[in-house]
Amino acid sequence: MQKYFHILLVSLISISFFGCAHNSDKKGILEDRAGYKLETKKDGVPKNVTRTKGKIKKAWLHAHEMPTGDYFGGAWVYLLVEQTKWNFSDYK
């Protein structure tokens, strides 16, 4: 009985500490420190910047024996066929 009382007592004490750990006044402190909301200078920076998606092809390499004598079990390989491109339409 005393064992369960000690477990209950430790649980209640730890719950009270966790309840006091939350401080809602500091909401968004990491975002403020990172500077995400800072306004940037717009001198010479285009308004509409777009990025095209690169083309990727999926190829299957079949199972075969390597020249070294090791067996390759086969795998899918993704090949980059075309690089991504940035389009600065309003750039002066």
Protein backbone atom coordinates (compact mmCIF):
# COMPACT_ATOMS: atom_id res chain seq x y z
CA MET A 1 0.00 0.00 0.00
CA GLN A 2 2.82 2.36 0.84
CA LYS A 3 4.40 1.68 -2.59
CA TYR A 4 1.26 2.88 -4.39
CA PHE A 5 1.06 5.95 -2.19
CA HIS A 6 4.63 6.94 -3.11
CA ILE A 7 3.92 6.42 -6.81
CA LEU A 8 0.80 8.57 -6.53
CA LEU A 9 2.65 11.26 -4.60
CA VAL A 10 5.51 11.43 -7.14
CA SER A 11 2.98 11.54 -10.00
CA LEU A 12 1.07 14.44 -8.48
CA ILE A 13 4.25 16.42 -7.80
CA SER A 14 5.54 15.91 -11.35
CA ILE A 15 2.17 16.88 -12.85
CA SER A 16 2.20 20.12 -10.90
CA PHE A 17 5.65 21.00 -12.29
CA PHE A 18 4.60 20.24 -15.87
CA GLY A 19 1.50 22.36 -15.48
CA CYS A 20 3.59 25.40 -14.53
CA ALA A 21 6.06 24.95 -17.38
CA HIS A 22 3.81 26.46 -20.07
CA ASN A 23 4.03 30.21 -20.63
CA SER A 24 1.72 31.49 -23.36
CA ASP A 25 3.22 35.01 -23.31
CA LYS A 26 6.24 33.80 -25.26
CA LYS A 27 4.24 32.47 -28.20
CA GLY A 28 6.22 32.75 -31.43
CA ILE A 29 9.55 33.67 -29.83
CA LEU A 30 11.51 31.42 -32.19
CA GLU A 31 9.87 32.95 -35.26
CA ASP A 32 10.60 36.47 -33.99
CA ARG A 33 14.23 35.60 -33.32
CA ALA A 34 14.62 33.98 -36.76
CA GLY A 35 13.49 37.21 -38.47
CA TYR A 36 10.91 35.68 -40.82
CA LYS A 37 8.68 38.75 -40.63
CA LEU A 38 11.39 41.30 -41.44
CA GLU A 39 10.72 43.44 -44.45
CA THR A 40 13.37 43.28 -47.13
CA LYS A 41 14.52 45.96 -49.52
CA LYS A 42 12.84 45.77 -52.90
CA ASP A 43 15.52 47.56 -54.93
CA GLY A 44 16.19 45.53 -58.05
CA VAL A 45 14.41 42.43 -56.81
CA PRO A 46 11.75 41.03 -59.15
CA LYS A 47 8.20 40.61 -57.86
CA ASN A 48 7.27 37.45 -59.73
CA VAL A 49 9.91 34.77 -59.45
CA THR A 50 8.97 31.30 -60.59
CA ARG A 51 10.86 28.05 -60.52
CA THR A 52 10.23 25.29 -63.03
CA LYS A 53 10.29 21.74 -61.82
CA GLY A 54 13.17 19.64 -63.05
CA LYS A 55 12.51 16.46 -65.00
CA ILE A 56 13.32 13.20 -63.29
CA LYS A 57 13.18 9.75 -64.87
CA LYS A 58 12.86 6.51 -62.96
CA ALA A 59 14.91 3.57 -64.25
CA TRP A 60 15.16 -0.05 -63.08
CA LEU A 61 18.63 -1.60 -63.01
CA HIS A 62 18.14 -5.33 -63.43
CA ALA A 63 19.74 -7.95 -61.22
CA HIS A 64 23.15 -9.04 -62.50
CA GLU A 65 26.58 -10.16 -61.44
CA MET A 66 29.18 -7.42 -61.13
CA PRO A 67 32.65 -7.75 -62.75
CA THR A 68 34.05 -8.16 -59.24
CA GLY A 69 31.93 -11.28 -58.74
CA ASP A 70 29.40 -9.61 -56.42
CA TYR A 71 25.70 -10.07 -57.12
CA PHE A 72 23.63 -6.91 -57.62
CA GLY A 73 19.99 -7.55 -56.72
CA GLY A 74 18.50 -4.75 -58.82
CA ALA A 75 17.15 -1.36 -57.78
CA TRP A 76 15.24 1.71 -58.92
CA VAL A 77 17.46 4.66 -59.84
CA TYR A 78 16.20 8.22 -60.27
CA LEU A 79 17.98 10.21 -62.99
CA LEU A 80 17.90 14.00 -63.24
CA VAL A 81 17.23 14.70 -66.92
CA GLU A 82 16.65 18.47 -66.76
CA GLN A 83 17.76 20.93 -64.07
CA THR A 84 15.34 23.25 -62.33
CA LYS A 85 15.23 26.76 -63.79
CA TRP A 86 14.49 30.11 -62.18
CA ASN A 87 12.42 32.61 -64.18
CA PHE A 88 12.77 36.29 -63.25
CA SER A 89 10.00 37.86 -65.35
CA ASP A 90 10.00 41.40 -63.87
CA TYR A 91 13.75 41.81 -63.47
CA LYS A 92 15.15 45.12 -64.74
